[in-house]
Amino acid sequence: MVLQPDDVLDACGLPCPLPLLKAKQALSRMSAGEMLEVMATDAGSWRDFETFVAQTDHVMEARETRDDVYYYWIRKGAGEPMA
């Protein structure tokens, strides 16, 4: 499966919680159904993004680690956060 993001966020080198905060800002500018690809080097981002999508209506289409970089593909949900 090839994921085609509508926007890409390079958060490499940013410490926790900046990758998640930058992703939230990027998602707020996107339309429902669009996909954001995030690249981060902070190991805590793995847990942060998992928790974030569980508390919102966004969907994590995929995530993976390549070398020391974490990749996330998040599809923006249609509504407001559930929490």
C-alpha atoms as a PDB file:
ATOM      1  CA  MET A   1       0.000   0.000   0.000  1.00  0.00           C
ATOM      2  CA  VAL A   2       1.372   3.387  -0.991  1.00  0.00           C
ATOM      3  CA  LEU A   3       0.333   6.272   1.210  1.00  0.00           C
ATOM      4  CA  GLN A   4      -0.046   9.641  -0.506  1.00  0.00           C
ATOM      5  CA  PRO A   5       0.143  12.406   2.120  1.00  0.00           C
ATOM      6  CA  ASP A   6      -1.395  15.804   1.466  1.00  0.00           C
ATOM      7  CA  ASP A   7       1.218  17.466   3.689  1.00  0.00           C
ATOM      8  CA  VAL A   8       4.559  16.446   5.202  1.00  0.00           C
ATOM      9  CA  LEU A   9       5.932  17.595   8.555  1.00  0.00           C
ATOM     10  CA  ASP A  10       9.626  17.126   9.296  1.00  0.00           C
ATOM     11  CA  ALA A  11       9.896  17.228  13.093  1.00  0.00           C
ATOM     12  CA  CYS A  12      13.303  15.530  13.211  1.00  0.00           C
ATOM     13  CA  GLY A  13      15.540  16.871  15.953  1.00  0.00           C
ATOM     14  CA  LEU A  14      12.657  18.352  17.941  1.00  0.00           C
ATOM     15  CA  PRO A  15      12.332  17.161  21.548  1.00  0.00           C
ATOM     16  CA  CYS A  16       9.095  15.995  23.157  1.00  0.00           C
ATOM     17  CA  PRO A  17       6.392  17.355  23.011  1.00  0.00           C
ATOM     18  CA  LEU A  18       7.196  19.481  19.936  1.00  0.00           C
ATOM     19  CA  PRO A  19       6.620  16.796  17.244  1.00  0.00           C
ATOM     20  CA  LEU A  20       3.061  16.284  18.501  1.00  0.00           C
ATOM     21  CA  LEU A  21       2.391  20.013  18.915  1.00  0.00           C
ATOM     22  CA  LYS A  22       3.646  20.744  15.383  1.00  0.00           C
ATOM     23  CA  ALA A  23       1.496  17.886  14.042  1.00  0.00           C
ATOM     24  CA  LYS A  24      -1.587  19.294  15.783  1.00  0.00           C
ATOM     25  CA  GLN A  25      -0.912  22.688  14.200  1.00  0.00           C
ATOM     26  CA  ALA A  26      -0.488  21.126  10.753  1.00  0.00           C
ATOM     27  CA  LEU A  27      -3.679  19.070  11.116  1.00  0.00           C
ATOM     28  CA  SER A  28      -5.637  22.180  12.137  1.00  0.00           C
ATOM     29  CA  ARG A  29      -4.817  23.737   8.749  1.00  0.00           C
ATOM     30  CA  MET A  30      -5.895  20.645   6.806  1.00  0.00           C
ATOM     31  CA  SER A  31      -9.320  19.534   5.589  1.00  0.00           C
ATOM     32  CA  ALA A  32     -11.117  16.462   6.868  1.00  0.00           C
ATOM     33  CA  GLY A  33      -9.916  13.326   5.105  1.00  0.00           C
ATOM     34  CA  GLU A  34      -6.507  14.724   4.198  1.00  0.00           C
ATOM     35  CA  MET A  35      -3.396  12.874   5.333  1.00  0.00           C
ATOM     36  CA  LEU A  36      -0.366  14.224   7.170  1.00  0.00           C
ATOM     37  CA  GLU A  37       2.987  12.447   7.110  1.00  0.00           C
ATOM     38  CA  VAL A  38       5.150  13.178  10.150  1.00  0.00           C
ATOM     39  CA  MET A  39       8.837  12.355  10.547  1.00  0.00           C
ATOM     40  CA  ALA A  40      10.306  12.556  14.065  1.00  0.00           C
ATOM     41  CA  THR A  41      13.441  11.402  15.875  1.00  0.00           C
ATOM     42  CA  ASP A  42      12.033  11.652  19.408  1.00  0.00           C
ATOM     43  CA  ALA A  43      11.405   8.111  20.713  1.00  0.00           C
ATOM     44  CA  GLY A  44       8.577   9.391  22.921  1.00  0.00           C
ATOM     45  CA  SER A  45       6.644  10.382  19.820  1.00  0.00           C
ATOM     46  CA  TRP A  46       5.680   6.707  19.278  1.00  0.00           C
ATOM     47  CA  ARG A  47       3.582   6.751  22.454  1.00  0.00           C
ATOM     48  CA  ASP A  48       2.502  10.390  22.045  1.00  0.00           C
ATOM     49  CA  PHE A  49       0.982   9.896  18.599  1.00  0.00           C
ATOM     50  CA  GLU A  50      -0.707   6.644  19.623  1.00  0.00           C
ATOM     51  CA  THR A  51      -2.377   8.404  22.564  1.00  0.00           C
ATOM     52  CA  PHE A  52      -3.262  11.444  20.474  1.00  0.00           C
ATOM     53  CA  VAL A  53      -5.189   9.516  17.809  1.00  0.00           C
ATOM     54  CA  ALA A  54      -6.938   7.446  20.501  1.00  0.00           C
ATOM     55  CA  GLN A  55      -8.300  10.678  22.017  1.00  0.00           C
ATOM     56  CA  THR A  56      -9.387  12.293  18.728  1.00  0.00           C
ATOM     57  CA  ASP A  57     -11.265  11.273  15.606  1.00  0.00           C
ATOM     58  CA  HIS A  58      -8.056  11.302  13.555  1.00  0.00           C
ATOM     59  CA  VAL A  59      -6.868   7.953  12.186  1.00  0.00           C
ATOM     60  CA  MET A  60      -3.312   6.668  12.156  1.00  0.00           C
ATOM     61  CA  GLU A  61      -3.191   4.958   8.776  1.00  0.00           C
ATOM     62  CA  ALA A  62       0.310   3.596   9.418  1.00  0.00           C
ATOM     63  CA  ARG A  63       3.484   4.125  11.399  1.00  0.00           C
ATOM     64  CA  GLU A  64       6.962   2.710  11.096  1.00  0.00           C
ATOM     65  CA  THR A  65      10.549   3.179  12.148  1.00  0.00           C
ATOM     66  CA  ARG A  66      13.402   3.464   9.652  1.00  0.00           C
ATOM     67  CA  ASP A  67      16.842   3.699  11.221  1.00  0.00           C
ATOM     68  CA  ASP A  68      16.354   6.311  13.964  1.00  0.00           C
ATOM     69  CA  VAL A  69      13.404   8.090  12.344  1.00  0.00           C
ATOM     70  CA  TYR A  70       9.760   7.491  13.232  1.00  0.00           C
ATOM     71  CA  TYR A  71       7.192   7.946  10.479  1.00  0.00           C
ATOM     72  CA  TYR A  72       3.464   8.499  11.050  1.00  0.00           C
ATOM     73  CA  TRP A  73       0.634   8.837   8.563  1.00  0.00           C
ATOM     74  CA  ILE A  74      -2.377  10.500  10.159  1.00  0.00           C
ATOM     75  CA  ARG A  75      -5.678  11.124   8.396  1.00  0.00           C
ATOM     76  CA  LYS A  76      -7.587  14.115   9.699  1.00  0.00           C
ATOM     77  CA  GLY A  77     -10.975  13.300  11.144  1.00  0.00           C
ATOM     78  CA  ALA A  78     -14.169  15.171  10.397  1.00  0.00           C
ATOM     79  CA  GLY A  79     -15.134  16.348  13.848  1.00  0.00           C
ATOM     80  CA  GLU A  80     -13.841  17.721  17.093  1.00  0.00           C
ATOM     81  CA  PRO A  81     -11.638  15.843  19.575  1.00  0.00           C
ATOM     82  CA  MET A  82     -13.568  13.305  21.635  1.00  0.00           C
ATOM     83  CA  ALA A  83     -11.755  14.123  24.885  1.00  0.00           C
END
